[in-house]
Structure formats: C-alpha cells, structure tokens
Amino acid sequence: MTDHTPTSFVPLQHPAVWQAEELRDRTDFCCELSGDDQDELRQGRVSEAFAHRLQRIQDSLEHGSGCVLLRGLTTDGLAEAEAKHLFLTIGQQLGTPVSQAASGELLFSVRDAGFADDDPQTPEMTDLQREALDLVEMVADDPAFHVRLMQQPGDILLLNNWVTLHRRTAFEDEDDPAKRRHLLRLWLAMPNSRPISPLFLENYGATAAGAVRGGMRTD
C-alpha cells in the first residue's frame, strides 16, 4: 500500500489565503457603486472613475483575495431585461462572458427548480478521493475559513473559482412566483488570468494566461 502521508507542509503565501475575520476588514473585498456610476450605466456608459475601480477589482480577483462583493446596484423600478443589461455591462468591463449553455446563453437565471438526482454516469470515487474531499469540506466548514453573506437585491458577488470555494445554503422560497429568489450568473474569461495546467485543455479549450477559455460548447 502506498503511504500518502505528507512528509512536510509548506504554508501557502498569497493574498487569496485568508481567514474570515481578515477578509471582512480588507479594502479589496467590498466595493460600493455610487449614484453617478449607476446613472452612467443606465445611459449605456461607464465613467472613467468606475472603469478604474473595475480594473482594481479585476486585479484583486486574480492577485488579491479572489473574491469581491460589489454592492449598491439599484434595481428598483427596472424591468428584468434592464437589470440583466446592467449586470452584463459590468461583467463585460471585467472580462469576456462565455457560454453557459449549448445554445450560447451568456447570462443564466438561477431559480429554485428543485433538486436533480445524481448523474448515474458519474464514476465512483476511490476511498482516497472521498477522504480528500471530506478534508476539504471539513476545512471549508470551519467558521475561521469561510465568510457567510446574505446577498441583497443588486449585490454582485465576484469570485475567482481557481482560488475560492463557494456554495449557497438551503432556503425557503416564496409561494408567489413574482417574489421568488432570482439570481443572475455570468461566467467570465479574465484577460489577466493565470495559466492553467495542460490537463484542462480539453475542458477549457485553452490554458494560456489571459486566454478566452471555458464555457460550454455551443451548437
């Protein structure tokens, strides 16, 4: 039997290696949209000041904490299509949206549609794989290593999936369809992204730094 016990540990040194209390106090975690920012966005423009802040957010996602909460986008009085347009405009300033469906859909609506059964084609994991995932879950469940958020209407949570784990907790939705929770999701290929292993080439289509990669293959 192979001994998988590590002989030594080397602490990771990176701004994305954070603890919960530290992250909440960091200046690169939370950013507010101003009224002027929103006025410009509604007119189809991005102010120079907001563009600079988006560049800092872009840098923070790759070289900083790996997660940014952008607050203050007012959606009151907006039709759903208008709110989607504002969200997409902000996303396009950060990176290149990639497809989330075979039809080429860039902006995906996340609504409660129940739970799907496990995919029967998913291969069984080995004991070692299960043990590794149990360890990841144990660490992620430790309050010292995660931040819980209650998102408000208009909040935009930006996450670098290469350095950040995330999930949504269970909730009770409204009976009225018009009041049910509705999240919008973008997948972005970032121009300042890191190179990734060639092992991901088949899934992502490209592995070079800054490449437009990922998303679902379109018809």
Protein backbone atom coordinates (compact mmCIF):
# COMPACT_ATOMS: atom_id res chain seq x y z
CA MET A 1 0.00 0.00 0.00
CA THR A 2 1.27 3.43 -0.91
CA ASP A 3 1.90 5.78 2.00
CA HIS A 4 0.21 9.11 1.20
CA THR A 5 1.25 10.78 4.44
CA PRO A 6 2.98 14.09 3.62
CA THR A 7 6.48 14.42 4.95
CA SER A 8 6.34 18.21 5.31
CA PHE A 9 3.98 21.14 4.95
CA VAL A 10 4.83 24.41 3.23
CA PRO A 11 2.43 27.25 4.15
CA LEU A 12 0.94 28.99 1.15
CA GLN A 13 1.76 32.66 0.92
CA HIS A 14 -0.77 34.53 -1.23
CA PRO A 15 -3.38 37.26 -0.69
CA ALA A 16 -6.05 34.67 -1.57
CA VAL A 17 -5.04 32.65 1.51
CA TRP A 18 -7.21 34.47 4.03
CA GLN A 19 -9.19 33.87 7.17
CA ALA A 20 -12.72 35.12 7.71
CA GLU A 21 -12.01 37.98 10.12
CA GLU A 22 -9.18 39.23 7.95
CA LEU A 23 -11.24 39.19 4.74
CA ARG A 24 -14.04 41.30 6.19
CA ASP A 25 -11.54 44.01 7.11
CA ARG A 26 -9.72 44.07 3.78
CA THR A 27 -10.14 47.00 1.44
CA ASP A 28 -10.20 44.75 -1.65
CA PHE A 29 -13.25 42.73 -0.53
CA CYS A 30 -16.20 45.14 -0.61
CA CYS A 31 -16.82 47.90 -3.16
CA GLU A 32 -19.77 50.28 -3.48
CA LEU A 33 -21.42 51.58 -6.64
CA SER A 34 -22.09 55.31 -6.48
CA GLY A 35 -25.17 57.07 -7.78
CA ASP A 36 -23.07 58.59 -10.57
CA ASP A 37 -21.84 55.12 -11.55
CA GLN A 38 -25.41 53.90 -11.91
CA ASP A 39 -26.56 56.97 -13.84
CA GLU A 40 -23.77 56.39 -16.35
CA LEU A 41 -24.57 52.68 -16.61
CA ARG A 42 -28.24 53.35 -17.29
CA GLN A 43 -27.18 55.61 -20.14
CA GLY A 44 -25.01 52.86 -21.59
CA ARG A 45 -21.72 54.38 -20.42
CA VAL A 46 -19.06 53.52 -17.86
CA SER A 47 -17.47 56.50 -16.11
CA GLU A 48 -13.70 56.77 -16.05
CA ALA A 49 -13.69 56.55 -12.24
CA PHE A 50 -15.80 53.39 -12.26
CA ALA A 51 -13.66 51.87 -15.00
CA HIS A 52 -10.58 52.37 -12.78
CA ARG A 53 -12.36 50.69 -9.85
CA LEU A 54 -13.31 47.77 -12.08
CA GLN A 55 -9.64 47.41 -13.05
CA ARG A 56 -8.75 47.22 -9.35
CA ILE A 57 -11.47 44.58 -8.88
CA GLN A 58 -10.06 42.65 -11.83
CA ASP A 59 -6.62 42.73 -10.24
CA SER A 60 -7.97 41.71 -6.83
CA LEU A 61 -9.76 38.69 -8.26
CA GLU A 62 -6.52 37.34 -9.74
CA HIS A 63 -3.80 38.72 -7.46
CA GLY A 64 -5.71 39.61 -4.31
CA SER A 65 -8.41 37.97 -2.20
CA GLY A 66 -10.04 36.22 -5.17
CA CYS A 67 -13.49 37.44 -4.12
CA VAL A 68 -15.13 40.86 -4.28
CA LEU A 69 -18.60 41.98 -3.19
CA LEU A 70 -19.88 44.84 -5.34
CA ARG A 71 -22.84 46.50 -3.63
CA GLY A 72 -25.25 49.31 -4.34
CA LEU A 73 -26.69 48.48 -7.77
CA THR A 74 -30.26 49.74 -7.56
CA THR A 75 -32.72 47.53 -9.43
CA ASP A 76 -35.93 49.12 -8.11
CA GLY A 77 -38.15 50.19 -10.97
CA LEU A 78 -36.15 48.29 -13.56
CA ALA A 79 -37.64 45.67 -15.83
CA GLU A 80 -35.88 42.30 -15.71
CA ALA A 81 -34.31 42.90 -19.12
CA GLU A 82 -32.89 46.26 -17.96
CA ALA A 83 -31.38 44.73 -14.81
CA LYS A 84 -29.82 41.96 -16.91
CA HIS A 85 -28.34 44.53 -19.27
CA LEU A 86 -26.69 46.46 -16.41
CA PHE A 87 -25.23 43.26 -14.96
CA LEU A 88 -23.93 42.15 -18.34
CA THR A 89 -22.40 45.60 -18.97
CA ILE A 90 -20.44 45.43 -15.71
CA GLY A 91 -19.32 41.89 -16.49
CA GLN A 92 -18.11 42.86 -19.95
CA GLN A 93 -15.93 45.56 -18.40
CA LEU A 94 -14.20 42.89 -16.30
CA GLY A 95 -13.80 40.07 -18.80
CA THR A 96 -15.31 38.13 -21.69
CA PRO A 97 -18.60 36.34 -20.93
CA VAL A 98 -18.56 32.70 -22.06
CA SER A 99 -21.44 30.39 -22.86
CA GLN A 100 -23.37 28.69 -20.07
CA ALA A 101 -25.50 26.53 -22.37
CA ALA A 102 -25.24 24.70 -25.67
CA SER A 103 -27.46 27.42 -27.12
CA GLY A 104 -24.78 30.03 -26.40
CA GLU A 105 -26.59 31.71 -23.50
CA LEU A 106 -24.23 34.12 -21.72
CA LEU A 107 -26.45 35.26 -18.85
CA PHE A 108 -28.05 32.50 -16.80
CA SER A 109 -31.05 32.85 -14.49
CA VAL A 110 -30.75 30.80 -11.30
CA ARG A 111 -34.13 29.99 -9.81
CA ASP A 112 -35.32 27.26 -7.45
CA ALA A 113 -36.35 24.32 -9.62
CA GLY A 114 -35.98 21.53 -7.08
CA PHE A 115 -33.15 19.04 -6.87
CA ALA A 116 -31.94 16.73 -9.61
CA ASP A 117 -30.90 13.16 -8.91
CA ASP A 118 -27.22 12.30 -9.03
CA ASP A 119 -25.92 11.63 -12.52
CA PRO A 120 -25.72 7.81 -12.90
CA GLN A 121 -22.80 8.25 -15.31
CA THR A 122 -20.61 9.82 -12.64
CA PRO A 123 -17.82 7.33 -11.81
CA GLU A 124 -17.43 6.06 -8.27
CA MET A 125 -14.74 7.79 -6.24
CA THR A 126 -11.93 5.91 -4.58
CA ASP A 127 -11.60 5.84 -0.80
CA LEU A 128 -8.63 8.20 -1.07
CA GLN A 129 -10.65 10.66 -3.17
CA ARG A 130 -13.51 10.59 -0.68
CA GLU A 131 -11.08 11.14 2.17
CA ALA A 132 -9.55 14.13 0.37
CA LEU A 133 -12.96 15.71 -0.31
CA ASP A 134 -14.05 15.11 3.29
CA LEU A 135 -10.95 17.01 4.43
CA VAL A 136 -11.70 19.91 2.06
CA GLU A 137 -15.29 20.05 3.35
CA MET A 138 -14.15 19.95 6.98
CA VAL A 139 -11.77 22.88 6.45
CA ALA A 140 -14.34 24.85 4.43
CA ASP A 141 -16.97 24.34 7.16
CA ASP A 142 -14.67 25.83 9.80
CA PRO A 143 -16.01 29.36 10.56
CA ALA A 144 -12.43 30.62 10.63
CA PHE A 145 -12.05 29.86 6.93
CA HIS A 146 -15.31 30.99 5.38
CA VAL A 147 -17.47 34.08 5.21
CA ARG A 148 -21.27 33.87 5.24
CA LEU A 149 -23.14 36.53 3.27
CA MET A 150 -26.78 37.48 2.98
CA GLN A 151 -26.98 38.92 -0.52
CA GLN A 152 -29.31 41.84 -1.04
CA PRO A 153 -31.06 42.82 -4.29
CA GLY A 154 -28.46 44.42 -6.54
CA ASP A 155 -25.44 42.79 -4.88
CA ILE A 156 -22.86 41.35 -7.27
CA LEU A 157 -20.56 38.69 -5.84
CA LEU A 158 -17.44 38.18 -7.97
CA LEU A 159 -15.39 35.01 -7.39
CA ASN A 160 -12.25 33.51 -8.85
CA ASN A 161 -13.13 29.81 -8.98
CA TRP A 162 -9.45 28.82 -9.09
CA VAL A 163 -8.86 30.08 -5.55
CA THR A 164 -12.31 30.31 -3.96
CA LEU A 165 -14.87 27.67 -2.96
CA HIS A 166 -18.47 28.84 -2.70
CA ARG A 167 -21.95 27.49 -2.17
CA ARG A 168 -25.48 28.61 -1.36
CA THR A 169 -27.27 27.45 1.76
CA ALA A 170 -30.78 26.00 1.81
CA PHE A 171 -33.68 28.46 1.92
CA GLU A 172 -37.47 28.60 1.79
CA ASP A 173 -38.77 30.34 -1.31
CA GLU A 174 -41.95 32.38 -1.71
CA ASP A 175 -45.17 30.80 -2.96
CA ASP A 176 -45.75 33.78 -5.27
CA PRO A 177 -43.59 33.25 -8.41
CA ALA A 178 -43.12 37.02 -8.71
CA LYS A 179 -41.43 37.13 -5.28
CA ARG A 180 -39.18 34.10 -5.63
CA ARG A 181 -35.43 34.42 -5.45
CA HIS A 182 -33.85 35.13 -8.81
CA LEU A 183 -30.08 35.22 -9.23
CA LEU A 184 -28.17 36.09 -12.38
CA ARG A 185 -24.91 34.33 -13.19
CA LEU A 186 -22.06 35.19 -15.55
CA TRP A 187 -19.02 33.11 -16.37
CA LEU A 188 -16.12 35.38 -17.31
CA ALA A 189 -12.82 34.65 -19.03
CA MET A 190 -10.48 37.21 -17.49
CA PRO A 191 -7.78 39.00 -19.52
CA ASN A 192 -5.35 38.84 -16.57
CA SER A 193 -5.98 35.19 -15.70
CA ARG A 194 -3.21 32.77 -14.75
CA PRO A 195 -2.02 29.93 -16.98
CA ILE A 196 -3.57 26.58 -16.07
CA SER A 197 -2.37 23.01 -16.43
CA PRO A 198 -2.44 21.46 -19.94
CA LEU A 199 -4.63 18.76 -18.36
CA PHE A 200 -7.52 21.25 -18.58
CA LEU A 201 -7.15 21.83 -22.32
CA GLU A 202 -10.00 19.54 -23.42
CA ASN A 203 -12.44 21.06 -20.94
CA TYR A 204 -11.45 24.71 -21.26
CA GLY A 205 -10.24 24.93 -24.86
CA ALA A 206 -7.17 26.99 -23.90
CA THR A 207 -4.73 27.08 -21.00
CA ALA A 208 -2.54 30.14 -21.61
CA ALA A 209 -2.60 33.16 -19.31
CA GLY A 210 -5.27 35.65 -20.35
CA ALA A 211 -6.86 33.29 -22.91
CA VAL A 212 -10.59 33.32 -23.54
CA ARG A 213 -11.40 29.89 -22.18
CA GLY A 214 -14.12 27.85 -20.53
CA GLY A 215 -17.85 27.83 -21.01
CA MET A 216 -19.99 25.20 -22.66
CA ARG A 217 -19.54 24.22 -26.27
CA THR A 218 -22.26 25.76 -28.44
CA ASP A 219 -24.34 24.07 -31.12
